[in-house]
């Protein structure tokens, strides 16, 4: 392996490959600054490719890596479809004739890190969030789903991507070890012949006194101790690896939460009463090799076609969607009841939230305009009133594209029960504008259309104000 490229990018950015190749090289690295924020950068590559051939090799490896990521995302989408949950975050990809050093590098809507090694080069790709408060959003969703929306707690893990290596995702392996610790008997019962006991049996025509001997399951103890040691070692290697890489601050905060979650899983296993006993006993027996081999395989899953690969990618638009759901439940001020029988439904304080649920009937006009069956992010039912809520993970939102506007209109037209079409567009930040200008009122075929833009972020939740006005 001759070169190890470290590539830092910001999510959801479209970068001109031609501008990148012609960029200025400083201290053996190339960097393109953001036009909007001069103190920030869109991409930074270290070391800088030396010539045109080096650029072509690097882009070819990136293109192959992105195709692998896209395939993993496609499989995850198909799995989530059975849970009636959409995963629409775009993967990173190269667009246009990149072989001739033209076209664009789209960084995708997944934040995290990817490492891949080939025979000649290795690549570490770091994708940092475009929204500096995204780590706070991610942490709040993790805590809130476990505390408020417990039936949905596993959704966040299911939408994230991770396969092992130096930066391991030990959650599945920890779950397997936890199941082993719960289902395996801690003590075994042996039957032995004795001069004294509590039972008589007839053996070979003679009465024999037997007694039960309860003994510690040495194989169980050896297996849980060895398994916890293996997972703890993988976690420590992950921490060491992340420190060596030198992550951007916002990305490091995400990784800290990711590692903390895994530490808590190991601590919960180690806190089991009989698991604690296993650490106090001398281990003189071999552990269950099948269990340990299963843990090892889960820690070292390699992507097809890559020498070594490790990945942790989080879909930021989906996480923000979960965050909006959490804030919507909090704004309704009540104890939620979650139903997973079909599409996700949450009932709070007499109101119902339908998550990613399409309308039962669809107008041909809206289907033709939007190009697909509308699946609104949220449909809020309060009494006889229906409100469509659409979460947009965009900064300083001021206006919608035509396709987004048509899609929102499709949601409202096909789902509204009364004469008023109501919708709320939710974003982490909106452009500076007075409150009145963030509300649009119009008429469509004699029906009133009302659309509002609401900011929902760690520092502000305008949903509370809007829903208070409605109630």
Protein backbone atom coordinates (compact mmCIF):
# COMPACT_ATOMS: atom_id res chain seq x y z
CA UNK A 1 0.00 0.00 0.00
CA UNK A 2 1.71 3.19 -1.23
CA UNK A 3 -0.72 5.96 -0.27
CA UNK A 4 -3.27 6.52 2.45
CA UNK A 5 -5.64 9.31 1.46
CA UNK A 6 -7.59 11.11 4.15
CA UNK A 7 -10.61 12.89 2.66
CA UNK A 8 -12.75 15.23 4.78
CA UNK A 9 -16.00 16.53 3.28
CA UNK A 10 -19.18 18.20 4.45
CA UNK A 11 -22.42 16.31 3.83
CA UNK A 12 -24.88 17.18 1.06
CA UNK A 13 -22.31 19.11 -0.99
CA UNK A 14 -21.85 19.05 -4.77
CA UNK A 15 -18.19 19.62 -5.62
CA UNK A 16 -16.79 20.26 -9.08
CA UNK A 17 -14.08 17.69 -9.82
CA UNK A 18 -12.45 20.11 -12.28
CA UNK A 19 -12.21 22.83 -9.61
CA UNK A 20 -10.87 20.29 -7.16
CA UNK A 21 -8.11 19.09 -9.48
CA UNK A 22 -7.09 22.68 -10.22
CA UNK A 23 -7.20 23.65 -6.56
CA UNK A 24 -4.27 25.11 -4.72
CA UNK A 25 -2.00 22.66 -2.88
CA UNK A 26 -0.88 23.79 0.57
CA UNK A 27 1.31 21.72 2.88
CA UNK A 28 0.81 18.60 0.75
CA UNK A 29 -2.98 18.82 0.90
CA UNK A 30 -5.65 20.27 -1.33
CA UNK A 31 -8.66 22.14 0.01
CA UNK A 32 -11.74 23.79 -1.49
CA UNK A 33 -13.39 26.47 0.61
CA UNK A 34 -17.13 27.04 0.88
CA UNK A 35 -18.37 30.04 -1.10
CA UNK A 36 -20.92 30.86 1.60
CA UNK A 37 -18.66 30.36 4.61
CA UNK A 38 -15.08 31.26 3.78
CA UNK A 39 -13.75 29.98 7.09
CA UNK A 40 -15.17 26.53 6.33
CA UNK A 41 -14.32 24.03 3.60
CA UNK A 42 -16.24 21.64 1.37
CA UNK A 43 -13.48 19.09 0.92
CA UNK A 44 -9.91 18.50 2.03
CA UNK A 45 -7.65 15.75 0.67
CA UNK A 46 -4.32 14.79 2.23
CA UNK A 47 -1.91 14.06 0.67
CA UNK A 48 -2.82 15.85 -2.54
CA UNK A 49 -2.69 13.61 -5.66
CA UNK A 50 0.54 14.34 -7.55
CA UNK A 51 -0.65 14.25 -11.14
CA UNK A 52 -3.55 13.47 -13.47
CA UNK A 53 -2.94 9.73 -13.25
CA UNK A 54 -3.06 9.84 -9.42
CA UNK A 55 -6.38 11.69 -9.57
CA UNK A 56 -7.83 9.09 -11.93
CA UNK A 57 -6.75 6.22 -9.66
CA UNK A 58 -8.19 7.93 -6.57
CA UNK A 59 -11.50 8.71 -8.27
CA UNK A 60 -11.76 5.15 -9.61
CA UNK A 61 -11.34 3.74 -6.10
CA UNK A 62 -13.87 6.23 -4.73
CA UNK A 63 -16.36 5.31 -7.44
CA UNK A 64 -16.06 1.62 -6.59
CA UNK A 65 -16.36 2.34 -2.86
CA UNK A 66 -19.46 4.46 -3.42
CA UNK A 67 -21.06 1.65 -5.44
CA UNK A 68 -20.51 -0.73 -2.53
CA UNK A 69 -22.05 1.79 -0.11
CA UNK A 70 -25.00 2.27 -2.46
CA UNK A 71 -25.60 -1.48 -2.56
CA UNK A 72 -25.52 -1.70 1.24
CA UNK A 73 -28.00 1.20 1.45
CA UNK A 74 -30.29 -0.48 -1.08
CA UNK A 75 -30.39 -3.66 1.00
CA UNK A 76 -31.13 -1.63 4.13
CA UNK A 77 -33.97 0.18 2.33
CA UNK A 78 -35.53 -3.13 1.34
CA UNK A 79 -35.31 -4.41 4.92
CA UNK A 80 -36.90 -1.25 6.33
CA UNK A 81 -39.71 -1.39 3.79
CA UNK A 82 -41.13 -4.35 5.71
CA UNK A 83 -41.34 -2.08 8.78
CA UNK A 84 -43.20 0.57 6.72
CA UNK A 85 -40.29 2.98 7.18
CA UNK A 86 -38.73 4.85 4.26
CA UNK A 87 -35.01 5.53 3.96
CA UNK A 88 -34.47 8.19 1.33
CA UNK A 89 -31.06 9.65 2.27
CA UNK A 90 -28.93 9.90 -0.88
CA UNK A 91 -25.60 8.01 -0.93
CA UNK A 92 -22.33 9.64 -2.04
CA UNK A 93 -21.52 9.24 -5.72
CA UNK A 94 -19.52 10.59 -8.65
CA UNK A 95 -21.58 12.21 -11.38
CA UNK A 96 -20.53 12.93 -14.95
CA UNK A 97 -17.34 12.02 -16.85
CA UNK A 98 -15.09 11.75 -13.81
CA UNK A 99 -12.66 9.56 -15.80
CA UNK A 100 -11.64 12.74 -17.67
CA UNK A 101 -11.46 14.69 -14.39
CA UNK A 102 -14.75 16.46 -15.00
CA UNK A 103 -18.19 16.15 -13.47
CA UNK A 104 -19.15 16.35 -9.80
CA UNK A 105 -18.48 14.67 -6.48
CA UNK A 106 -21.71 14.53 -4.43
CA UNK A 107 -20.92 13.85 -0.76
CA UNK A 108 -24.32 12.34 0.10
CA UNK A 109 -26.65 12.68 3.07
CA UNK A 110 -24.87 10.25 5.40
CA UNK A 111 -22.48 11.48 8.09
CA UNK A 112 -19.74 9.37 9.65
CA UNK A 113 -16.64 7.62 8.42
CA UNK A 114 -15.59 4.95 5.95
CA UNK A 115 -12.21 3.23 5.68
CA UNK A 116 -11.25 0.98 2.76
CA UNK A 117 -7.92 -0.52 1.75
CA UNK A 118 -6.81 -1.73 -1.67
CA UNK A 119 -3.56 -3.24 -2.91
CA UNK A 120 -2.07 0.13 -3.81
CA UNK A 121 -3.92 2.75 -1.73
CA UNK A 122 -6.13 3.16 1.34
CA UNK A 123 -8.89 5.72 1.78
CA UNK A 124 -10.36 7.21 4.94
CA UNK A 125 -13.49 9.23 4.14
CA UNK A 126 -14.84 11.51 6.87
CA UNK A 127 -18.24 13.11 6.26
CA UNK A 128 -19.06 15.81 8.81
CA UNK A 129 -22.56 17.21 9.41
CA UNK A 130 -23.56 20.40 7.63
CA UNK A 131 -25.55 21.42 10.71
CA UNK A 132 -23.29 22.05 13.69
CA UNK A 133 -26.02 21.03 16.18
CA UNK A 134 -26.62 17.65 14.54
CA UNK A 135 -24.73 15.75 17.30
CA UNK A 136 -27.17 17.25 19.83
CA UNK A 137 -30.10 16.13 17.66
CA UNK A 138 -28.69 12.60 17.38
CA UNK A 139 -28.09 12.37 21.14
CA UNK A 140 -31.58 13.66 21.93
CA UNK A 141 -33.17 11.14 19.56
CA UNK A 142 -31.21 8.28 21.13
CA UNK A 143 -32.26 9.29 24.63
CA UNK A 144 -35.81 10.32 23.71
CA UNK A 145 -36.65 7.15 21.78
CA UNK A 146 -35.49 5.04 24.70
CA UNK A 147 -37.40 7.15 27.22
CA UNK A 148 -40.53 8.42 25.40
CA UNK A 149 -40.97 6.24 22.29
CA UNK A 150 -39.48 2.94 23.44
CA UNK A 151 -41.13 0.76 20.72
CA UNK A 152 -39.24 2.83 18.13
CA UNK A 153 -35.86 2.69 19.91
CA UNK A 154 -34.48 0.07 17.51
CA UNK A 155 -35.36 2.16 14.43
CA UNK A 156 -32.31 4.42 14.83
CA UNK A 157 -29.95 1.43 14.84
CA UNK A 158 -31.71 -0.10 11.84
CA UNK A 159 -31.29 2.97 9.63
CA UNK A 160 -27.57 3.41 10.44
CA UNK A 161 -24.93 1.50 8.51
CA UNK A 162 -21.94 -0.20 10.06
CA UNK A 163 -19.68 -3.14 9.43
CA UNK A 164 -16.64 -4.01 11.41
CA UNK A 165 -12.91 -3.65 11.46
CA UNK A 166 -10.67 -1.27 13.39
CA UNK A 167 -13.70 0.91 14.17
CA UNK A 168 -16.15 -1.80 15.13
CA UNK A 169 -19.88 -1.79 15.63
CA UNK A 170 -20.18 -4.29 18.48
CA UNK A 171 -23.90 -3.79 19.14
CA UNK A 172 -25.10 -6.96 17.35
CA UNK A 173 -22.30 -9.02 18.90
CA UNK A 174 -23.15 -7.60 22.34
CA UNK A 175 -26.80 -8.50 21.81
CA UNK A 176 -25.80 -12.09 20.95
CA UNK A 177 -23.64 -12.34 24.09
CA UNK A 178 -26.45 -10.88 26.20
CA UNK A 179 -28.88 -13.52 24.87
CA UNK A 180 -26.33 -16.23 25.67
CA UNK A 181 -25.95 -14.91 29.23
CA UNK A 182 -29.72 -14.82 29.70
CA UNK A 183 -30.61 -18.23 28.23
CA UNK A 184 -27.67 -20.38 29.40
CA UNK A 185 -28.04 -21.97 32.88
CA UNK A 186 -25.59 -20.59 35.41
CA UNK A 187 -25.53 -23.83 37.41
CA UNK A 188 -25.70 -27.47 36.35
CA UNK A 189 -27.21 -30.38 38.30
CA UNK A 190 -25.38 -33.73 38.47
CA UNK A 191 -26.73 -36.99 39.90
CA UNK A 192 -24.19 -38.96 41.96
CA UNK A 193 -24.17 -42.16 44.04
CA UNK A 194 -23.69 -41.40 47.71
CA UNK A 195 -23.80 -42.89 51.19
CA UNK A 196 -26.35 -40.25 52.12
CA UNK A 197 -28.95 -38.50 50.06
CA UNK A 198 -32.60 -37.78 49.58
CA UNK A 199 -33.62 -40.30 46.91
CA UNK A 200 -33.60 -44.07 46.45
CA UNK A 201 -33.50 -45.63 42.99
CA UNK A 202 -33.40 -49.21 41.78
CA UNK A 203 -30.22 -49.85 39.79
CA UNK A 204 -29.28 -53.38 38.57
CA UNK A 205 -31.70 -54.91 41.05
CA UNK A 206 -30.24 -53.00 44.00
CA UNK A 207 -31.46 -49.98 45.92
CA UNK A 208 -29.00 -47.12 45.58
CA UNK A 209 -28.94 -43.81 47.45
CA UNK A 210 -28.33 -40.82 45.19
CA UNK A 211 -28.12 -37.10 45.70
CA UNK A 212 -28.13 -34.03 43.49
CA UNK A 213 -24.94 -32.03 43.15
CA UNK A 214 -25.36 -28.43 41.99
CA UNK A 215 -22.21 -27.03 40.45
CA UNK A 216 -21.20 -23.82 38.71
CA UNK A 217 -21.36 -23.93 34.90
CA UNK A 218 -17.67 -23.40 34.19
CA UNK A 219 -18.15 -23.24 30.40
CA UNK A 220 -20.73 -20.46 30.83
CA UNK A 221 -18.36 -18.48 33.05
CA UNK A 222 -15.42 -18.89 30.71
CA UNK A 223 -17.51 -17.92 27.66
CA UNK A 224 -18.99 -14.70 29.06
CA UNK A 225 -15.64 -13.55 30.43
CA UNK A 226 -13.85 -14.29 27.14
CA UNK A 227 -16.71 -12.73 25.12
CA UNK A 228 -16.77 -9.53 27.16
CA UNK A 229 -12.98 -9.31 26.93
CA UNK A 230 -13.14 -9.70 23.14
CA UNK A 231 -15.79 -6.98 22.75
CA UNK A 232 -14.06 -4.63 25.19
CA UNK A 233 -10.81 -5.06 23.26
CA UNK A 234 -12.58 -4.22 19.99
CA UNK A 235 -14.11 -1.13 21.60
CA UNK A 236 -10.73 0.06 22.90
CA UNK A 237 -9.21 -0.44 19.44
CA UNK A 238 -12.05 1.66 18.00
CA UNK A 239 -11.25 4.51 20.40
CA UNK A 240 -7.56 4.32 19.57
CA UNK A 241 -8.26 4.27 15.84
CA UNK A 242 -10.54 7.31 16.03
CA UNK A 243 -7.93 9.26 17.99
CA UNK A 244 -5.31 8.45 15.35
CA UNK A 245 -7.55 9.63 12.49
CA UNK A 246 -8.14 13.08 13.98
CA UNK A 247 -11.85 13.63 13.43
CA UNK A 248 -13.55 17.02 12.92
CA UNK A 249 -15.16 18.23 16.15
CA UNK A 250 -18.79 17.69 15.12
CA UNK A 251 -18.02 14.20 13.83
CA UNK A 252 -16.05 13.33 16.97
CA UNK A 253 -19.08 14.21 19.13
CA UNK A 254 -21.18 11.76 17.08
CA UNK A 255 -18.58 9.03 17.46
CA UNK A 256 -18.39 9.63 21.22
CA UNK A 257 -22.12 8.96 21.50
CA UNK A 258 -21.73 5.86 19.33
CA UNK A 259 -18.93 4.48 21.53
CA UNK A 260 -20.70 5.44 24.76
CA UNK A 261 -23.76 3.47 23.69
CA UNK A 262 -21.63 0.37 23.11
CA UNK A 263 -19.90 0.80 26.48
CA UNK A 264 -23.29 0.91 28.20
CA UNK A 265 -24.30 -2.33 26.47
CA UNK A 266 -21.18 -4.09 27.77
CA UNK A 267 -21.71 -2.67 31.26
CA UNK A 268 -25.29 -3.97 31.34
CA UNK A 269 -24.07 -7.48 30.44
CA UNK A 270 -21.27 -7.35 33.02
CA UNK A 271 -23.75 -6.18 35.69
CA UNK A 272 -25.78 -9.41 35.52
CA UNK A 273 -25.42 -11.19 38.92
CA UNK A 274 -23.98 -14.47 37.64
CA UNK A 275 -21.79 -12.72 35.08
CA UNK A 276 -20.19 -10.81 37.95
CA UNK A 277 -19.60 -14.16 39.68
CA UNK A 278 -17.79 -15.44 36.59
CA UNK A 279 -15.11 -12.77 36.98
CA UNK A 280 -14.50 -13.80 40.59
CA UNK A 281 -13.87 -17.47 39.80
CA UNK A 282 -10.71 -19.04 38.45
CA UNK A 283 -11.23 -20.00 34.81
CA UNK A 284 -9.99 -23.56 34.35
CA UNK A 285 -12.29 -24.63 31.52
CA UNK A 286 -12.45 -23.91 27.81
CA UNK A 287 -15.19 -21.46 26.71
CA UNK A 288 -17.86 -22.28 24.13
CA UNK A 289 -15.85 -21.85 20.93
CA UNK A 290 -18.95 -21.62 18.70
CA UNK A 291 -20.22 -18.58 20.59
CA UNK A 292 -16.85 -16.83 20.46
CA UNK A 293 -16.46 -17.55 16.74
CA UNK A 294 -19.92 -16.06 16.18
CA UNK A 295 -18.90 -12.90 18.02
CA UNK A 296 -15.70 -12.68 16.01
CA UNK A 297 -17.54 -12.97 12.70
CA UNK A 298 -19.90 -10.17 13.70
CA UNK A 299 -16.93 -7.92 14.51
CA UNK A 300 -15.13 -8.52 11.23
CA UNK A 301 -17.66 -8.37 8.42
CA UNK A 302 -15.87 -7.26 5.25
CA UNK A 303 -17.54 -5.55 2.32
CA UNK A 304 -17.49 -7.55 -0.93
CA UNK A 305 -14.53 -6.73 -3.14
CA UNK A 306 -12.61 -4.68 -0.58
CA UNK A 307 -9.49 -5.84 1.19
CA UNK A 308 -10.42 -4.28 4.52
CA UNK A 309 -13.47 -2.12 5.12
CA UNK A 310 -15.08 -0.46 8.08
CA UNK A 311 -17.97 1.90 8.10
CA UNK A 312 -20.22 3.91 10.34
CA UNK A 313 -22.70 6.09 8.45
CA UNK A 314 -25.77 7.81 9.86
CA UNK A 315 -28.55 9.16 7.56
CA UNK A 316 -28.90 12.75 8.77
CA UNK A 317 -32.29 13.51 7.08
CA UNK A 318 -33.82 10.40 8.68
CA UNK A 319 -32.40 11.25 12.09
CA UNK A 320 -33.88 14.74 11.78
CA UNK A 321 -37.21 13.16 10.83
CA UNK A 322 -37.08 11.08 14.02
CA UNK A 323 -36.20 14.25 15.93
CA UNK A 324 -39.28 16.04 14.56
CA UNK A 325 -41.44 13.07 15.60
CA UNK A 326 -40.03 13.29 19.11
CA UNK A 327 -40.62 17.05 19.29
CA UNK A 328 -44.13 16.64 17.90
CA UNK A 329 -44.96 14.16 20.67
CA UNK A 330 -43.50 16.53 23.27
CA UNK A 331 -45.52 19.46 21.87
CA UNK A 332 -48.77 17.49 22.26
CA UNK A 333 -47.99 17.07 25.98
CA UNK A 334 -49.18 13.60 26.83
CA UNK A 335 -48.11 9.98 27.23
CA UNK A 336 -47.68 8.43 23.77
CA UNK A 337 -49.09 5.05 22.75
CA UNK A 338 -47.25 3.54 19.77
CA UNK A 339 -48.81 1.07 17.34
CA UNK A 340 -46.59 -0.94 14.96
CA UNK A 341 -49.34 -3.17 13.53
CA UNK A 342 -49.06 -1.40 10.14
CA UNK A 343 -47.50 1.97 9.41
CA UNK A 344 -46.27 3.60 12.61
CA UNK A 345 -49.04 5.39 14.51
CA UNK A 346 -48.61 7.38 17.72
CA UNK A 347 -51.56 8.53 19.82
CA UNK A 348 -50.91 11.41 22.21
CA UNK A 349 -53.45 13.27 24.32
CA UNK A 350 -56.35 12.48 21.97
CA UNK A 351 -54.38 13.36 18.82
CA UNK A 352 -53.01 10.84 16.31
CA UNK A 353 -49.72 11.00 14.41
CA UNK A 354 -49.41 8.84 11.28
CA UNK A 355 -45.79 8.31 10.25
CA UNK A 356 -44.94 7.74 6.55
CA UNK A 357 -48.50 6.56 5.87
CA UNK A 358 -49.87 7.09 2.33
CA UNK A 359 -53.50 8.12 1.71
CA UNK A 360 -56.06 5.37 1.12
CA UNK A 361 -57.20 7.01 -2.12
CA UNK A 362 -55.07 8.99 -4.53
CA UNK A 363 -56.15 11.54 -7.11
CA UNK A 364 -54.84 10.94 -10.64
CA UNK A 365 -53.86 14.60 -11.01
CA UNK A 366 -51.60 14.68 -7.97
CA UNK A 367 -50.12 11.28 -8.81
CA UNK A 368 -49.16 12.60 -12.23
CA UNK A 369 -47.76 15.88 -10.89
CA UNK A 370 -45.70 14.41 -8.05
CA UNK A 371 -44.61 11.32 -9.99
CA UNK A 372 -45.13 8.98 -7.04
CA UNK A 373 -47.61 8.00 -4.36
CA UNK A 374 -47.31 10.68 -1.68
CA UNK A 375 -45.99 9.42 1.67
CA UNK A 376 -46.06 12.45 3.99
CA UNK A 377 -43.53 12.41 6.80
CA UNK A 378 -46.29 13.01 9.34
CA UNK A 379 -50.05 13.39 9.28
CA UNK A 380 -51.47 14.92 12.45
CA UNK A 381 -55.14 14.32 13.24
CA UNK A 382 -56.63 16.57 15.94
CA UNK A 383 -60.38 16.08 16.13
CA UNK A 384 -61.75 16.64 12.63
CA UNK A 385 -58.70 18.59 11.50
CA UNK A 386 -55.84 17.06 9.50
CA UNK A 387 -52.45 18.75 9.22
CA UNK A 388 -49.67 17.53 6.91
CA UNK A 389 -46.14 17.94 8.31
CA UNK A 390 -43.11 17.64 6.05
CA UNK A 391 -39.62 17.58 7.61
CA UNK A 392 -36.92 19.23 5.47
CA UNK A 393 -33.34 18.85 6.68
CA UNK A 394 -32.26 22.15 5.12
CA UNK A 395 -30.54 25.16 6.61
CA UNK A 396 -31.95 28.68 6.28
CA UNK A 397 -34.98 27.45 4.37
CA UNK A 398 -36.75 30.23 2.47
CA UNK A 399 -38.55 28.56 -0.44
CA UNK A 400 -39.46 25.13 -1.81
CA UNK A 401 -38.53 23.67 -5.16
CA UNK A 402 -41.38 23.06 -7.62
CA UNK A 403 -41.27 19.29 -7.09
CA UNK A 404 -41.40 19.68 -3.29
CA UNK A 405 -44.27 22.17 -3.57
CA UNK A 406 -46.25 19.81 -5.83
CA UNK A 407 -45.60 16.89 -3.52
CA UNK A 408 -46.76 18.89 -0.49
CA UNK A 409 -49.86 19.94 -2.42
CA UNK A 410 -50.48 16.27 -3.22
CA UNK A 411 -50.30 15.36 0.46
CA UNK A 412 -52.73 18.09 1.43
CA UNK A 413 -55.21 17.50 -1.40
CA UNK A 414 -55.50 13.75 -0.93
CA UNK A 415 -55.50 13.74 2.87
CA UNK A 416 -57.56 16.77 3.89
CA UNK A 417 -61.04 16.02 5.19
CA UNK A 418 -62.42 19.54 5.39
CA UNK A 419 -62.38 22.55 3.08
CA UNK A 420 -59.09 23.91 4.46
CA UNK A 421 -55.78 22.44 3.26
CA UNK A 422 -53.19 22.83 6.03
CA UNK A 423 -49.50 22.00 6.00
CA UNK A 424 -46.40 22.72 8.08
CA UNK A 425 -42.89 22.60 6.64
CA UNK A 426 -40.35 21.86 9.38
CA UNK A 427 -36.64 22.68 9.14
CA UNK A 428 -33.69 23.08 11.56
CA UNK A 429 -33.27 26.75 10.56
CA UNK A 430 -35.03 29.16 8.25
CA UNK A 431 -33.95 32.37 6.57
CA UNK A 432 -34.38 35.57 8.55
CA UNK A 433 -37.96 36.63 8.00
CA UNK A 434 -40.78 38.04 10.10
CA UNK A 435 -43.27 35.53 11.50
CA UNK A 436 -46.03 36.57 9.10
CA UNK A 437 -43.91 35.97 6.01
CA UNK A 438 -43.31 32.36 7.11
CA UNK A 439 -47.03 31.70 6.64
CA UNK A 440 -48.55 31.37 3.17
CA UNK A 441 -52.29 31.55 2.52
CA UNK A 442 -53.83 30.99 -0.92
CA UNK A 443 -56.88 29.52 -2.65
CA UNK A 444 -57.00 26.47 -4.93
CA UNK A 445 -60.29 25.77 -6.74
CA UNK A 446 -62.18 27.63 -4.06
CA UNK A 447 -60.40 25.82 -1.21
CA UNK A 448 -58.21 27.61 1.29
CA UNK A 449 -54.55 26.54 1.35
CA UNK A 450 -52.48 27.35 4.44
CA UNK A 451 -48.76 26.49 4.67
CA UNK A 452 -46.46 27.49 7.51
CA UNK A 453 -42.71 27.14 7.97
CA UNK A 454 -41.66 26.09 11.47
CA UNK A 455 -38.17 25.88 12.92
CA UNK A 456 -37.50 22.82 15.06
CA UNK A 457 -33.99 22.62 16.52
CA UNK A 458 -32.25 22.16 19.89
CA UNK A 459 -32.59 25.91 20.48
CA UNK A 460 -36.16 26.39 19.25
CA UNK A 461 -39.37 24.41 18.77
CA UNK A 462 -42.01 26.41 16.93
CA UNK A 463 -44.27 23.35 16.75
CA UNK A 464 -45.26 24.00 20.36
CA UNK A 465 -46.46 27.50 19.44
CA UNK A 466 -48.37 26.35 16.35
CA UNK A 467 -50.08 23.42 18.06
CA UNK A 468 -50.99 25.57 21.06
CA UNK A 469 -52.75 27.98 18.69
CA UNK A 470 -54.68 25.09 17.09
CA UNK A 471 -55.80 23.65 20.38
